[in-house]
């Protein structure tokens, strides 16, 4: 999808999000949006199922209530994005930057924390291979995440909190 086509869709969607009798809800399902600049875009309630958003700039975007099921968001910049109530079931968030993203009520992603002295919030998502955990900028499975924490902080309450969060997430994703 080229930039001018995307702009038309976003303009119509912006109108729709303010008054559903005007404009058109964005249907970007299956769209190729690799590396797209969607910084601060209004994508409230948009359909982004199966969209390829690898490396996309979604910093500060409003994705509240958006359908991102099975979307590929690997390496995407989602800092400060509003993902509240979004459906992220089976979305690929490997390497995505979720710092300061609003994930309240999001489906398919689990937050845990605050943990450690830095009071960080960690996130976990379920992939076909099992849950993947994000802590700071680190992504990995539970074993890799614990190893990264131990390498940085040593054996501590921090590691115990990660293990407990991991058990909760794995139970919730069964």
C-alpha atoms as a PDB file:
ATOM      1  CA  UNK A   1       0.000   0.000   0.000  1.00  0.00           C
ATOM      2  CA  UNK A   2       1.449   3.364  -0.940  1.00  0.00           C
ATOM      3  CA  UNK A   3       1.481   6.470   1.266  1.00  0.00           C
ATOM      4  CA  UNK A   4      -1.274   8.327  -0.617  1.00  0.00           C
ATOM      5  CA  UNK A   5      -3.679   5.331  -0.407  1.00  0.00           C
ATOM      6  CA  UNK A   6      -2.929   5.039   3.300  1.00  0.00           C
ATOM      7  CA  UNK A   7      -3.558   8.758   3.844  1.00  0.00           C
ATOM      8  CA  UNK A   8      -7.015   8.510   2.229  1.00  0.00           C
ATOM      9  CA  UNK A   9      -7.902   5.544   4.462  1.00  0.00           C
ATOM     10  CA  UNK A  10      -6.648   7.344   7.569  1.00  0.00           C
ATOM     11  CA  UNK A  11      -8.552  10.548   6.716  1.00  0.00           C
ATOM     12  CA  UNK A  12     -11.819   8.630   6.230  1.00  0.00           C
ATOM     13  CA  UNK A  13     -11.159   6.680   9.430  1.00  0.00           C
ATOM     14  CA  UNK A  14     -10.541   9.878  11.392  1.00  0.00           C
ATOM     15  CA  UNK A  15     -13.968  11.149  10.335  1.00  0.00           C
ATOM     16  CA  UNK A  16     -15.566   7.795  11.206  1.00  0.00           C
ATOM     17  CA  UNK A  17     -13.952   7.734  14.676  1.00  0.00           C
ATOM     18  CA  UNK A  18     -15.542  11.109  15.487  1.00  0.00           C
ATOM     19  CA  UNK A  19     -18.953  10.363  13.943  1.00  0.00           C
ATOM     20  CA  UNK A  20     -19.708   6.847  12.697  1.00  0.00           C
ATOM     21  CA  UNK A  21     -22.297   8.227  10.248  1.00  0.00           C
ATOM     22  CA  UNK A  22     -19.479   9.879   8.276  1.00  0.00           C
ATOM     23  CA  UNK A  23     -16.243   8.501   6.936  1.00  0.00           C
ATOM     24  CA  UNK A  24     -15.330   4.823   6.906  1.00  0.00           C
ATOM     25  CA  UNK A  25     -13.734   2.558   9.487  1.00  0.00           C
ATOM     26  CA  UNK A  26     -10.190   1.691   8.408  1.00  0.00           C
ATOM     27  CA  UNK A  27      -9.935  -1.826   7.036  1.00  0.00           C
ATOM     28  CA  UNK A  28      -6.226  -2.516   6.881  1.00  0.00           C
ATOM     29  CA  UNK A  29      -6.545  -6.256   7.371  1.00  0.00           C
ATOM     30  CA  UNK A  30      -3.817  -8.137   5.495  1.00  0.00           C
ATOM     31  CA  UNK A  31      -2.216  -4.803   4.526  1.00  0.00           C
ATOM     32  CA  UNK A  32       1.501  -4.575   3.787  1.00  0.00           C
ATOM     33  CA  UNK A  33       2.567  -1.754   6.094  1.00  0.00           C
ATOM     34  CA  UNK A  34       6.185  -2.790   6.591  1.00  0.00           C
ATOM     35  CA  UNK A  35       8.113   0.212   7.902  1.00  0.00           C
ATOM     36  CA  UNK A  36       5.080   2.509   7.546  1.00  0.00           C
ATOM     37  CA  UNK A  37       5.153   5.848   9.340  1.00  0.00           C
ATOM     38  CA  UNK A  38       1.976   5.807  11.420  1.00  0.00           C
ATOM     39  CA  UNK A  39       3.342   7.997  14.179  1.00  0.00           C
ATOM     40  CA  UNK A  40       0.458   9.496  16.199  1.00  0.00           C
ATOM     41  CA  UNK A  41      -2.057   8.058  13.719  1.00  0.00           C
ATOM     42  CA  UNK A  42      -5.705   7.804  14.727  1.00  0.00           C
ATOM     43  CA  UNK A  43      -6.441   4.088  14.388  1.00  0.00           C
ATOM     44  CA  UNK A  44      -9.136   3.822  17.078  1.00  0.00           C
ATOM     45  CA  UNK A  45     -11.119   0.639  16.407  1.00  0.00           C
ATOM     46  CA  UNK A  46      -9.331  -0.009  13.096  1.00  0.00           C
ATOM     47  CA  UNK A  47      -9.220  -3.479  11.555  1.00  0.00           C
ATOM     48  CA  UNK A  48      -5.550  -4.468  11.315  1.00  0.00           C
ATOM     49  CA  UNK A  49      -5.986  -8.249  11.428  1.00  0.00           C
ATOM     50  CA  UNK A  50      -3.070 -10.053   9.782  1.00  0.00           C
ATOM     51  CA  UNK A  51      -1.470  -6.717   8.829  1.00  0.00           C
ATOM     52  CA  UNK A  52       2.284  -6.741   8.282  1.00  0.00           C
ATOM     53  CA  UNK A  53       3.532  -3.885  10.447  1.00  0.00           C
ATOM     54  CA  UNK A  54       7.121  -5.061  10.838  1.00  0.00           C
ATOM     55  CA  UNK A  55       9.320  -2.124  11.773  1.00  0.00           C
ATOM     56  CA  UNK A  56       6.408   0.335  11.534  1.00  0.00           C
ATOM     57  CA  UNK A  57       6.537   3.616  13.428  1.00  0.00           C
ATOM     58  CA  UNK A  58       3.405   3.597  15.593  1.00  0.00           C
ATOM     59  CA  UNK A  59       4.842   5.825  18.275  1.00  0.00           C
ATOM     60  CA  UNK A  60       2.022   7.726  19.989  1.00  0.00           C
ATOM     61  CA  UNK A  61      -0.593   6.139  17.709  1.00  0.00           C
ATOM     62  CA  UNK A  62      -4.100   5.660  19.064  1.00  0.00           C
ATOM     63  CA  UNK A  63      -4.914   1.988  18.541  1.00  0.00           C
ATOM     64  CA  UNK A  64      -7.549   1.854  21.260  1.00  0.00           C
ATOM     65  CA  UNK A  65      -9.995  -0.944  20.499  1.00  0.00           C
ATOM     66  CA  UNK A  66      -8.153  -1.866  17.289  1.00  0.00           C
ATOM     67  CA  UNK A  67      -8.245  -5.448  16.024  1.00  0.00           C
ATOM     68  CA  UNK A  68      -4.607  -6.529  15.688  1.00  0.00           C
ATOM     69  CA  UNK A  69      -5.184 -10.279  15.795  1.00  0.00           C
ATOM     70  CA  UNK A  70      -2.384 -12.155  14.026  1.00  0.00           C
ATOM     71  CA  UNK A  71      -0.702  -8.871  13.026  1.00  0.00           C
ATOM     72  CA  UNK A  72       3.078  -8.881  12.684  1.00  0.00           C
ATOM     73  CA  UNK A  73       4.344  -6.010  14.834  1.00  0.00           C
ATOM     74  CA  UNK A  74       7.878  -7.356  15.189  1.00  0.00           C
ATOM     75  CA  UNK A  75      10.352  -4.520  15.584  1.00  0.00           C
ATOM     76  CA  UNK A  76       7.559  -1.915  15.574  1.00  0.00           C
ATOM     77  CA  UNK A  77       7.919   1.291  17.587  1.00  0.00           C
ATOM     78  CA  UNK A  78       4.864   1.359  19.853  1.00  0.00           C
ATOM     79  CA  UNK A  79       6.252   3.758  22.449  1.00  0.00           C
ATOM     80  CA  UNK A  80       3.509   5.899  23.994  1.00  0.00           C
ATOM     81  CA  UNK A  81       0.886   4.150  21.827  1.00  0.00           C
ATOM     82  CA  UNK A  82      -2.641   3.692  23.164  1.00  0.00           C
ATOM     83  CA  UNK A  83      -3.398  -0.017  22.844  1.00  0.00           C
ATOM     84  CA  UNK A  84      -6.129  -0.032  25.488  1.00  0.00           C
ATOM     85  CA  UNK A  85      -8.855  -2.577  24.727  1.00  0.00           C
ATOM     86  CA  UNK A  86      -6.990  -3.622  21.534  1.00  0.00           C
ATOM     87  CA  UNK A  87      -7.096  -7.264  20.493  1.00  0.00           C
ATOM     88  CA  UNK A  88      -3.499  -8.490  20.215  1.00  0.00           C
ATOM     89  CA  UNK A  89      -4.309 -12.210  20.191  1.00  0.00           C
ATOM     90  CA  UNK A  90      -1.581 -14.130  18.362  1.00  0.00           C
ATOM     91  CA  UNK A  91       0.096 -10.858  17.322  1.00  0.00           C
ATOM     92  CA  UNK A  92       3.860 -11.056  16.860  1.00  0.00           C
ATOM     93  CA  UNK A  93       5.403  -8.440  19.156  1.00  0.00           C
ATOM     94  CA  UNK A  94       8.965  -9.793  19.055  1.00  0.00           C
ATOM     95  CA  UNK A  95      11.356  -6.884  19.404  1.00  0.00           C
ATOM     96  CA  UNK A  96       8.539  -4.320  19.501  1.00  0.00           C
ATOM     97  CA  UNK A  97       9.179  -1.310  21.719  1.00  0.00           C
ATOM     98  CA  UNK A  98       6.239  -1.019  24.121  1.00  0.00           C
ATOM     99  CA  UNK A  99       7.737   1.539  26.500  1.00  0.00           C
ATOM    100  CA  UNK A 100       5.016   3.697  28.034  1.00  0.00           C
ATOM    101  CA  UNK A 101       2.328   2.080  25.869  1.00  0.00           C
ATOM    102  CA  UNK A 102      -1.159   1.941  27.385  1.00  0.00           C
ATOM    103  CA  UNK A 103      -2.120  -1.742  27.440  1.00  0.00           C
ATOM    104  CA  UNK A 104      -5.053  -1.534  29.863  1.00  0.00           C
ATOM    105  CA  UNK A 105      -7.686  -4.064  28.895  1.00  0.00           C
ATOM    106  CA  UNK A 106      -5.753  -5.289  25.850  1.00  0.00           C
ATOM    107  CA  UNK A 107      -6.553  -8.855  24.849  1.00  0.00           C
ATOM    108  CA  UNK A 108      -3.744 -11.338  24.269  1.00  0.00           C
ATOM    109  CA  UNK A 109      -1.083  -9.483  26.222  1.00  0.00           C
ATOM    110  CA  UNK A 110      -0.412  -9.810  29.912  1.00  0.00           C
ATOM    111  CA  UNK A 111       1.235  -7.162  32.024  1.00  0.00           C
ATOM    112  CA  UNK A 112       3.004  -7.869  35.296  1.00  0.00           C
ATOM    113  CA  UNK A 113       4.748  -5.683  37.787  1.00  0.00           C
ATOM    114  CA  UNK A 114       5.878  -3.226  38.849  1.00  0.00           C
ATOM    115  CA  UNK A 115       8.981  -5.244  39.670  1.00  0.00           C
ATOM    116  CA  UNK A 116      12.437  -4.560  40.983  1.00  0.00           C
ATOM    117  CA  UNK A 117      13.929  -1.268  42.093  1.00  0.00           C
ATOM    118  CA  UNK A 118      13.166   0.310  38.725  1.00  0.00           C
ATOM    119  CA  UNK A 119       9.460  -0.596  39.220  1.00  0.00           C
ATOM    120  CA  UNK A 120       9.257  -1.794  35.626  1.00  0.00           C
ATOM    121  CA  UNK A 121       6.148  -3.256  34.081  1.00  0.00           C
ATOM    122  CA  UNK A 122       6.809  -6.429  32.158  1.00  0.00           C
ATOM    123  CA  UNK A 123       4.674  -7.850  29.361  1.00  0.00           C
ATOM    124  CA  UNK A 124       4.067 -11.319  28.038  1.00  0.00           C
ATOM    125  CA  UNK A 125       2.358 -12.436  24.868  1.00  0.00           C
ATOM    126  CA  UNK A 126       1.447 -15.892  23.722  1.00  0.00           C
ATOM    127  CA  UNK A 127       3.034 -17.095  20.503  1.00  0.00           C
ATOM    128  CA  UNK A 128       2.682 -20.485  18.868  1.00  0.00           C
ATOM    129  CA  UNK A 129       5.959 -21.477  20.570  1.00  0.00           C
ATOM    130  CA  UNK A 130       4.653 -20.426  23.983  1.00  0.00           C
ATOM    131  CA  UNK A 131       4.697 -17.182  25.949  1.00  0.00           C
ATOM    132  CA  UNK A 132       7.339 -14.576  25.165  1.00  0.00           C
ATOM    133  CA  UNK A 133       8.265 -12.007  27.801  1.00  0.00           C
ATOM    134  CA  UNK A 134       9.340  -8.397  27.467  1.00  0.00           C
ATOM    135  CA  UNK A 135      11.166  -6.578  30.197  1.00  0.00           C
ATOM    136  CA  UNK A 136      12.642  -3.229  29.354  1.00  0.00           C
ATOM    137  CA  UNK A 137      13.924  -3.725  25.831  1.00  0.00           C
ATOM    138  CA  UNK A 138      14.586  -7.457  26.295  1.00  0.00           C
ATOM    139  CA  UNK A 139      12.341 -10.079  24.669  1.00  0.00           C
ATOM    140  CA  UNK A 140      12.656 -13.780  25.205  1.00  0.00           C
ATOM    141  CA  UNK A 141      11.048 -16.873  26.628  1.00  0.00           C
ATOM    142  CA  UNK A 142      10.822 -17.218  30.411  1.00  0.00           C
ATOM    143  CA  UNK A 143      14.201 -18.987  30.725  1.00  0.00           C
ATOM    144  CA  UNK A 144      15.996 -16.359  28.591  1.00  0.00           C
ATOM    145  CA  UNK A 145      14.303 -13.504  30.447  1.00  0.00           C
ATOM    146  CA  UNK A 146      15.325 -14.915  33.840  1.00  0.00           C
ATOM    147  CA  UNK A 147      18.901 -15.403  32.599  1.00  0.00           C
ATOM    148  CA  UNK A 148      19.023 -11.776  31.410  1.00  0.00           C
ATOM    149  CA  UNK A 149      17.725 -10.558  34.790  1.00  0.00           C
ATOM    150  CA  UNK A 150      20.251 -12.681  36.699  1.00  0.00           C
ATOM    151  CA  UNK A 151      23.079 -11.456  34.446  1.00  0.00           C
ATOM    152  CA  UNK A 152      22.149  -7.842  35.134  1.00  0.00           C
ATOM    153  CA  UNK A 153      20.924  -7.946  38.748  1.00  0.00           C
ATOM    154  CA  UNK A 154      22.102 -11.275  40.162  1.00  0.00           C
ATOM    155  CA  UNK A 155      19.881 -13.679  42.068  1.00  0.00           C
ATOM    156  CA  UNK A 156      17.306 -11.419  43.637  1.00  0.00           C
ATOM    157  CA  UNK A 157      13.684 -10.730  44.380  1.00  0.00           C
ATOM    158  CA  UNK A 158      13.578  -9.352  40.834  1.00  0.00           C
ATOM    159  CA  UNK A 159      14.206 -12.829  39.394  1.00  0.00           C
ATOM    160  CA  UNK A 160      11.619 -14.379  41.729  1.00  0.00           C
ATOM    161  CA  UNK A 161       9.028 -11.844  40.570  1.00  0.00           C
ATOM    162  CA  UNK A 162       9.748 -12.697  36.915  1.00  0.00           C
ATOM    163  CA  UNK A 163       9.391 -16.430  37.612  1.00  0.00           C
ATOM    164  CA  UNK A 164       6.095 -15.866  39.447  1.00  0.00           C
ATOM    165  CA  UNK A 165       4.791 -13.657  36.633  1.00  0.00           C
ATOM    166  CA  UNK A 166       5.875 -16.319  34.132  1.00  0.00           C
ATOM    167  CA  UNK A 167       3.946 -19.020  35.949  1.00  0.00           C
ATOM    168  CA  UNK A 168       0.842 -16.826  36.046  1.00  0.00           C
ATOM    169  CA  UNK A 169       1.111 -16.028  32.336  1.00  0.00           C
ATOM    170  CA  UNK A 170       1.710 -19.648  31.338  1.00  0.00           C
ATOM    171  CA  UNK A 171      -1.330 -20.695  33.365  1.00  0.00           C
ATOM    172  CA  UNK A 172      -3.449 -17.961  31.769  1.00  0.00           C
ATOM    173  CA  UNK A 173      -2.372 -18.906  28.242  1.00  0.00           C
ATOM    174  CA  UNK A 174      -3.220 -22.623  28.501  1.00  0.00           C
END
